[in-house]
Amino acid sequence: MKKLPVCFWASLAALLMRAAVPAAAADVKDLFAIDLPDSPGTEGRMIEVSYPPGAHDMVHRHDAHAFVYVLEGTIVMQLKGHPAVTLSAGQTFYEGPTDVHVVGRNASTTAPARFVVVLLKAKGATILTPVQD
């Protein structure tokens, strides 16, 4: 039987340790919600998302029009079928009701990032729905 080099075992151990340590979770704060009288059954919601260094989201969708405005730091966003984009403070991003958000993460492993999301959605619908990709 052929012996594997030490660097192989070291790399495998590092990979397993990284997989075992969960990434920091995003902190989501509800800021505002209002029924939209001109569109019965629809509401507007505003949330603030804070990503600790290295944080990332699961693959998901919103079933809403989602308008993102970056307040602090740098984030990476990607919708299924589209290239990833890197956004810094003052930049914006849009997700439609049928878009699947495959990448949402803090671009930095050392600095936090914060952004505001305005959602236009059916009243009572969840803000985030996980998607198996």
N, C-alpha and C. Protein backbone atom coordinates (compact mmCIF):
# COMPACT_ATOMS: atom_id res chain seq x y z
N MET A 1 0.85 -1.18 0.00
CA MET A 1 0.00 0.00 0.00
C MET A 1 0.89 1.24 0.00
N LYS A 2 0.55 2.21 -0.79
CA LYS A 2 1.34 3.44 -0.93
C LYS A 2 1.02 4.41 0.21
N LYS A 3 2.06 4.97 0.82
CA LYS A 3 1.88 5.96 1.89
C LYS A 3 1.59 7.33 1.28
N LEU A 4 0.66 8.04 1.89
CA LEU A 4 0.33 9.39 1.43
C LEU A 4 1.25 10.39 2.13
N PRO A 5 1.64 11.46 1.42
CA PRO A 5 2.54 12.44 2.03
C PRO A 5 1.88 13.18 3.19
N VAL A 6 2.73 13.65 4.10
CA VAL A 6 2.29 14.39 5.29
C VAL A 6 1.46 15.60 4.90
N CYS A 7 1.83 16.30 3.81
CA CYS A 7 1.08 17.50 3.40
C CYS A 7 -0.36 17.15 3.05
N PHE A 8 -0.60 15.94 2.52
CA PHE A 8 -1.97 15.51 2.22
C PHE A 8 -2.78 15.43 3.50
N TRP A 9 -2.22 14.77 4.53
CA TRP A 9 -2.92 14.59 5.80
C TRP A 9 -3.14 15.93 6.50
N ALA A 10 -2.15 16.82 6.42
CA ALA A 10 -2.29 18.14 7.03
C ALA A 10 -3.40 18.94 6.33
N SER A 11 -3.44 18.86 5.01
CA SER A 11 -4.48 19.57 4.24
C SER A 11 -5.86 19.02 4.56
N LEU A 12 -5.95 17.68 4.64
CA LEU A 12 -7.23 17.05 4.95
C LEU A 12 -7.70 17.45 6.35
N ALA A 13 -6.80 17.47 7.33
CA ALA A 13 -7.16 17.87 8.69
C ALA A 13 -7.64 19.32 8.74
N ALA A 14 -6.93 20.21 8.02
CA ALA A 14 -7.33 21.63 7.99
C ALA A 14 -8.71 21.79 7.36
N LEU A 15 -8.98 21.05 6.29
CA LEU A 15 -10.27 21.13 5.61
C LEU A 15 -11.38 20.64 6.53
N LEU A 16 -11.16 19.54 7.22
CA LEU A 16 -12.18 19.01 8.13
C LEU A 16 -12.44 19.95 9.30
N MET A 17 -11.39 20.58 9.83
CA MET A 17 -11.58 21.53 10.93
C MET A 17 -12.37 22.74 10.45
N ARG A 18 -12.08 23.21 9.24
CA ARG A 18 -12.81 24.37 8.73
C ARG A 18 -14.28 24.04 8.53
N ALA A 19 -14.57 22.83 8.04
CA ALA A 19 -15.96 22.42 7.83
C ALA A 19 -16.70 22.27 9.16
N ALA A 20 -15.99 21.93 10.22
CA ALA A 20 -16.62 21.70 11.52
C ALA A 20 -16.92 23.00 12.25
N VAL A 21 -16.26 24.10 11.88
CA VAL A 21 -16.46 25.37 12.56
C VAL A 21 -17.49 26.18 11.78
N PRO A 22 -18.69 26.40 12.34
CA PRO A 22 -19.70 27.15 11.60
C PRO A 22 -19.32 28.61 11.44
N ALA A 23 -19.70 29.17 10.29
CA ALA A 23 -19.47 30.60 10.06
C ALA A 23 -20.40 31.40 10.96
N ALA A 24 -19.98 32.59 11.30
CA ALA A 24 -20.82 33.47 12.12
C ALA A 24 -22.11 33.76 11.37
N ALA A 25 -23.20 33.81 12.09
CA ALA A 25 -24.49 34.05 11.48
C ALA A 25 -24.77 35.54 11.34
N ALA A 26 -25.55 35.87 10.34
CA ALA A 26 -25.98 37.25 10.16
C ALA A 26 -26.99 37.60 11.25
N ASP A 27 -26.96 38.84 11.69
CA ASP A 27 -27.92 39.35 12.66
C ASP A 27 -28.93 40.20 11.89
N VAL A 28 -30.21 39.85 11.99
CA VAL A 28 -31.26 40.57 11.26
C VAL A 28 -32.15 41.29 12.25
N LYS A 29 -32.33 42.59 12.02
CA LYS A 29 -33.14 43.44 12.90
C LYS A 29 -34.31 44.02 12.09
N ASP A 30 -35.54 43.81 12.57
CA ASP A 30 -36.71 44.44 11.95
C ASP A 30 -36.69 45.92 12.27
N LEU A 31 -36.80 46.76 11.25
CA LEU A 31 -36.80 48.20 11.45
C LEU A 31 -38.18 48.82 11.30
N PHE A 32 -38.97 48.30 10.34
CA PHE A 32 -40.23 48.98 10.01
C PHE A 32 -41.09 48.05 9.18
N ALA A 33 -42.40 48.11 9.38
CA ALA A 33 -43.35 47.37 8.56
C ALA A 33 -44.61 48.20 8.41
N ILE A 34 -45.19 48.17 7.21
CA ILE A 34 -46.41 48.94 6.96
C ILE A 34 -47.24 48.26 5.87
N ASP A 35 -48.55 48.22 6.09
CA ASP A 35 -49.45 47.75 5.04
C ASP A 35 -49.49 48.80 3.95
N LEU A 36 -49.57 48.35 2.70
CA LEU A 36 -49.61 49.28 1.57
C LEU A 36 -51.06 49.39 1.09
N PRO A 37 -51.76 50.47 1.48
CA PRO A 37 -53.19 50.59 1.19
C PRO A 37 -53.53 50.62 -0.30
N ASP A 38 -52.61 51.08 -1.13
CA ASP A 38 -52.87 51.12 -2.58
C ASP A 38 -52.74 49.74 -3.22
N SER A 39 -52.24 48.78 -2.46
CA SER A 39 -52.04 47.43 -2.96
C SER A 39 -52.48 46.45 -1.87
N PRO A 40 -53.79 46.22 -1.72
CA PRO A 40 -54.30 45.37 -0.64
C PRO A 40 -53.60 44.02 -0.58
N GLY A 41 -53.30 43.58 0.62
CA GLY A 41 -52.63 42.30 0.81
C GLY A 41 -51.12 42.37 0.68
N THR A 42 -50.60 43.59 0.48
CA THR A 42 -49.17 43.79 0.31
C THR A 42 -48.62 44.65 1.43
N GLU A 43 -47.40 44.36 1.83
CA GLU A 43 -46.75 45.16 2.87
C GLU A 43 -45.34 45.53 2.46
N GLY A 44 -44.87 46.61 3.06
CA GLY A 44 -43.47 47.01 2.93
C GLY A 44 -42.78 46.71 4.24
N ARG A 45 -41.59 46.14 4.17
CA ARG A 45 -40.80 45.87 5.39
C ARG A 45 -39.41 46.37 5.17
N MET A 46 -38.80 46.83 6.25
CA MET A 46 -37.41 47.27 6.20
C MET A 46 -36.67 46.52 7.30
N ILE A 47 -35.55 45.89 6.90
CA ILE A 47 -34.72 45.17 7.86
C ILE A 47 -33.27 45.64 7.73
N GLU A 48 -32.52 45.46 8.80
CA GLU A 48 -31.09 45.74 8.77
C GLU A 48 -30.38 44.41 9.00
N VAL A 49 -29.43 44.09 8.12
CA VAL A 49 -28.65 42.86 8.24
C VAL A 49 -27.22 43.24 8.59
N SER A 50 -26.70 42.61 9.65
CA SER A 50 -25.31 42.83 10.05
C SER A 50 -24.57 41.51 9.88
N TYR A 51 -23.52 41.55 9.09
CA TYR A 51 -22.67 40.38 8.88
C TYR A 51 -21.41 40.53 9.72
N PRO A 52 -21.16 39.64 10.67
CA PRO A 52 -19.85 39.64 11.32
C PRO A 52 -18.78 39.26 10.28
N PRO A 53 -17.52 39.45 10.59
CA PRO A 53 -16.47 39.03 9.66
C PRO A 53 -16.65 37.55 9.27
N GLY A 54 -16.57 37.28 7.97
CA GLY A 54 -16.67 35.91 7.47
C GLY A 54 -18.07 35.33 7.39
N ALA A 55 -19.10 36.07 7.78
CA ALA A 55 -20.47 35.55 7.78
C ALA A 55 -20.99 35.35 6.36
N HIS A 56 -21.90 34.38 6.23
CA HIS A 56 -22.56 34.16 4.94
C HIS A 56 -23.95 33.59 5.16
N ASP A 57 -24.81 33.76 4.15
CA ASP A 57 -26.18 33.28 4.20
C ASP A 57 -26.29 31.92 3.53
N MET A 58 -27.36 31.21 3.87
CA MET A 58 -27.71 29.99 3.15
C MET A 58 -28.34 30.39 1.81
N VAL A 59 -28.43 29.47 0.88
CA VAL A 59 -29.13 29.72 -0.38
C VAL A 59 -30.60 29.94 -0.04
N HIS A 60 -31.19 31.02 -0.58
CA HIS A 60 -32.56 31.38 -0.23
C HIS A 60 -33.22 32.22 -1.30
N ARG A 61 -34.48 32.51 -1.06
CA ARG A 61 -35.25 33.46 -1.87
C ARG A 61 -36.12 34.27 -0.93
N HIS A 62 -36.68 35.35 -1.45
CA HIS A 62 -37.48 36.22 -0.60
C HIS A 62 -38.97 36.26 -0.97
N ASP A 63 -39.35 35.79 -2.15
CA ASP A 63 -40.74 35.92 -2.60
C ASP A 63 -41.19 37.36 -2.44
N ALA A 64 -40.29 38.28 -2.79
CA ALA A 64 -40.55 39.71 -2.62
C ALA A 64 -39.62 40.49 -3.56
N HIS A 65 -39.95 41.73 -3.75
CA HIS A 65 -38.99 42.65 -4.37
C HIS A 65 -38.11 43.10 -3.22
N ALA A 66 -36.80 42.91 -3.35
CA ALA A 66 -35.86 43.25 -2.27
C ALA A 66 -34.86 44.27 -2.79
N PHE A 67 -34.82 45.42 -2.14
CA PHE A 67 -33.91 46.50 -2.50
C PHE A 67 -32.87 46.63 -1.39
N VAL A 68 -31.61 46.44 -1.73
CA VAL A 68 -30.51 46.41 -0.76
C VAL A 68 -29.69 47.70 -0.87
N TYR A 69 -29.33 48.26 0.28
CA TYR A 69 -28.45 49.43 0.34
C TYR A 69 -27.37 49.14 1.38
N VAL A 70 -26.11 49.13 0.95
CA VAL A 70 -25.00 48.81 1.85
C VAL A 70 -24.63 50.04 2.68
N LEU A 71 -24.62 49.85 4.00
CA LEU A 71 -24.29 50.93 4.94
C LEU A 71 -22.82 50.95 5.31
N GLU A 72 -22.23 49.77 5.47
CA GLU A 72 -20.87 49.66 6.01
C GLU A 72 -20.24 48.37 5.50
N GLY A 73 -18.94 48.43 5.21
CA GLY A 73 -18.20 47.23 4.82
C GLY A 73 -18.40 46.87 3.37
N THR A 74 -18.09 45.63 3.05
CA THR A 74 -18.18 45.12 1.69
C THR A 74 -18.84 43.75 1.71
N ILE A 75 -19.83 43.56 0.84
CA ILE A 75 -20.54 42.29 0.76
C ILE A 75 -20.47 41.74 -0.66
N VAL A 76 -20.68 40.44 -0.78
CA VAL A 76 -20.75 39.78 -2.09
C VAL A 76 -22.14 39.20 -2.22
N MET A 77 -22.81 39.49 -3.34
CA MET A 77 -24.15 39.00 -3.62
C MET A 77 -24.15 38.32 -4.98
N GLN A 78 -24.92 37.24 -5.09
CA GLN A 78 -25.06 36.57 -6.39
C GLN A 78 -26.42 35.91 -6.47
N LEU A 79 -27.10 36.13 -7.59
CA LEU A 79 -28.36 35.47 -7.90
C LEU A 79 -28.08 34.33 -8.86
N LYS A 80 -28.86 33.26 -8.76
CA LYS A 80 -28.68 32.10 -9.64
C LYS A 80 -28.75 32.55 -11.10
N GLY A 81 -27.75 32.12 -11.87
CA GLY A 81 -27.69 32.47 -13.28
C GLY A 81 -27.04 33.80 -13.59
N HIS A 82 -26.55 34.49 -12.57
CA HIS A 82 -25.90 35.80 -12.73
C HIS A 82 -24.53 35.78 -12.07
N PRO A 83 -23.62 36.65 -12.51
CA PRO A 83 -22.31 36.70 -11.86
C PRO A 83 -22.40 37.34 -10.47
N ALA A 84 -21.46 36.99 -9.62
CA ALA A 84 -21.39 37.59 -8.29
C ALA A 84 -20.99 39.06 -8.43
N VAL A 85 -21.49 39.89 -7.52
CA VAL A 85 -21.12 41.30 -7.48
C VAL A 85 -20.62 41.63 -6.08
N THR A 86 -19.61 42.49 -6.01
CA THR A 86 -19.08 42.95 -4.73
C THR A 86 -19.53 44.38 -4.54
N LEU A 87 -20.17 44.63 -3.39
CA LEU A 87 -20.76 45.94 -3.11
C LEU A 87 -20.15 46.55 -1.87
N SER A 88 -19.88 47.84 -1.93
CA SER A 88 -19.35 48.59 -0.78
C SER A 88 -20.37 49.62 -0.33
N ALA A 89 -20.08 50.27 0.79
CA ALA A 89 -20.99 51.27 1.36
C ALA A 89 -21.46 52.25 0.28
N GLY A 90 -22.78 52.48 0.25
CA GLY A 90 -23.38 53.40 -0.71
C GLY A 90 -23.86 52.73 -1.98
N GLN A 91 -23.56 51.45 -2.18
CA GLN A 91 -24.00 50.76 -3.40
C GLN A 91 -25.28 49.97 -3.13
N THR A 92 -25.98 49.61 -4.22
CA THR A 92 -27.28 48.97 -4.13
C THR A 92 -27.32 47.65 -4.89
N PHE A 93 -28.37 46.87 -4.60
CA PHE A 93 -28.57 45.56 -5.23
C PHE A 93 -30.07 45.30 -5.23
N TYR A 94 -30.55 44.53 -6.23
CA TYR A 94 -31.97 44.21 -6.32
C TYR A 94 -32.14 42.71 -6.51
N GLU A 95 -33.14 42.16 -5.81
CA GLU A 95 -33.56 40.77 -5.99
C GLU A 95 -35.05 40.77 -6.29
N GLY A 96 -35.45 40.05 -7.33
CA GLY A 96 -36.86 39.93 -7.67
C GLY A 96 -37.52 38.77 -6.94
N PRO A 97 -38.85 38.69 -7.00
CA PRO A 97 -39.60 37.68 -6.26
C PRO A 97 -39.28 36.23 -6.65
N THR A 98 -38.79 36.00 -7.85
CA THR A 98 -38.48 34.63 -8.27
C THR A 98 -36.98 34.33 -8.25
N ASP A 99 -36.16 35.31 -7.88
CA ASP A 99 -34.71 35.10 -7.85
C ASP A 99 -34.30 34.19 -6.70
N VAL A 100 -33.31 33.36 -6.97
CA VAL A 100 -32.70 32.53 -5.92
C VAL A 100 -31.35 33.15 -5.60
N HIS A 101 -31.16 33.49 -4.34
CA HIS A 101 -29.95 34.16 -3.86
C HIS A 101 -28.95 33.08 -3.46
N VAL A 102 -27.96 32.81 -4.35
CA VAL A 102 -27.03 31.71 -4.11
C VAL A 102 -25.81 32.13 -3.29
N VAL A 103 -25.44 33.42 -3.31
CA VAL A 103 -24.33 33.91 -2.49
C VAL A 103 -24.75 35.21 -1.82
N GLY A 104 -24.58 35.27 -0.54
CA GLY A 104 -24.76 36.47 0.25
C GLY A 104 -23.76 36.37 1.39
N ARG A 105 -22.71 37.19 1.35
CA ARG A 105 -21.68 37.04 2.39
C ARG A 105 -20.90 38.32 2.59
N ASN A 106 -20.25 38.38 3.75
CA ASN A 106 -19.33 39.46 4.04
C ASN A 106 -18.05 39.16 3.25
N ALA A 107 -17.57 40.12 2.50
CA ALA A 107 -16.36 39.92 1.71
C ALA A 107 -15.11 39.90 2.57
N SER A 108 -15.24 40.35 3.81
CA SER A 108 -14.08 40.46 4.71
C SER A 108 -14.13 39.40 5.81
N THR A 109 -12.97 38.90 6.16
CA THR A 109 -12.85 37.98 7.30
C THR A 109 -12.41 38.73 8.56
N THR A 110 -12.24 40.06 8.44
CA THR A 110 -11.76 40.83 9.59
C THR A 110 -12.66 42.01 9.98
N ALA A 111 -13.52 42.48 9.07
CA ALA A 111 -14.35 43.65 9.35
C ALA A 111 -15.83 43.31 9.17
N PRO A 112 -16.71 43.91 9.97
CA PRO A 112 -18.15 43.67 9.81
C PRO A 112 -18.70 44.38 8.58
N ALA A 113 -19.91 44.01 8.20
CA ALA A 113 -20.63 44.68 7.11
C ALA A 113 -22.10 44.80 7.53
N ARG A 114 -22.74 45.90 7.10
CA ARG A 114 -24.16 46.14 7.41
C ARG A 114 -24.87 46.65 6.17
N PHE A 115 -26.12 46.21 6.00
CA PHE A 115 -26.93 46.74 4.90
C PHE A 115 -28.40 46.73 5.30
N VAL A 116 -29.15 47.59 4.62
CA VAL A 116 -30.59 47.69 4.81
C VAL A 116 -31.27 47.06 3.61
N VAL A 117 -32.37 46.33 3.88
CA VAL A 117 -33.15 45.73 2.80
C VAL A 117 -34.59 46.22 2.95
N VAL A 118 -35.14 46.74 1.86
CA VAL A 118 -36.56 47.10 1.80
C VAL A 118 -37.24 46.02 0.97
N LEU A 119 -38.26 45.40 1.57
CA LEU A 119 -38.98 44.31 0.92
C LEU A 119 -40.42 44.72 0.63
N LEU A 120 -40.88 44.49 -0.57
CA LEU A 120 -42.29 44.66 -0.94
C LEU A 120 -42.80 43.25 -1.18
N LYS A 121 -43.76 42.79 -0.32
CA LYS A 121 -44.14 41.38 -0.36
C LYS A 121 -45.59 41.21 0.06
N ALA A 122 -46.09 39.99 -0.13
CA ALA A 122 -47.44 39.67 0.33
C ALA A 122 -47.46 39.73 1.86
N LYS A 123 -48.51 40.32 2.40
CA LYS A 123 -48.65 40.45 3.85
C LYS A 123 -48.63 39.06 4.49
N GLY A 124 -47.80 38.91 5.50
CA GLY A 124 -47.71 37.64 6.22
C GLY A 124 -46.74 36.64 5.62
N ALA A 125 -46.25 36.89 4.41
CA ALA A 125 -45.27 35.97 3.80
C ALA A 125 -43.96 36.06 4.57
N THR A 126 -43.24 34.96 4.62
CA THR A 126 -41.96 34.97 5.33
C THR A 126 -40.97 35.88 4.62
N ILE A 127 -40.02 36.38 5.39
CA ILE A 127 -38.99 37.26 4.81
C ILE A 127 -37.97 36.45 4.02
N LEU A 128 -37.67 35.24 4.48
CA LEU A 128 -36.64 34.44 3.84
C LEU A 128 -37.10 32.98 3.78
N THR A 129 -36.94 32.35 2.60
CA THR A 129 -37.28 30.96 2.42
C THR A 129 -36.03 30.22 1.97
N PRO A 130 -35.53 29.24 2.77
CA PRO A 130 -34.36 28.48 2.34
C PRO A 130 -34.65 27.70 1.05
N VAL A 131 -33.64 27.55 0.20
CA VAL A 131 -33.77 26.83 -1.06
C VAL A 131 -32.68 25.75 -1.10
N GLN A 132 -33.07 24.53 -1.46
CA GLN A 132 -32.07 23.47 -1.66
C GLN A 132 -31.51 23.65 -3.06
N ASP A 133 -30.22 23.94 -3.15
CA ASP A 133 -29.61 24.19 -4.47
C ASP A 133 -28.77 23.01 -4.90
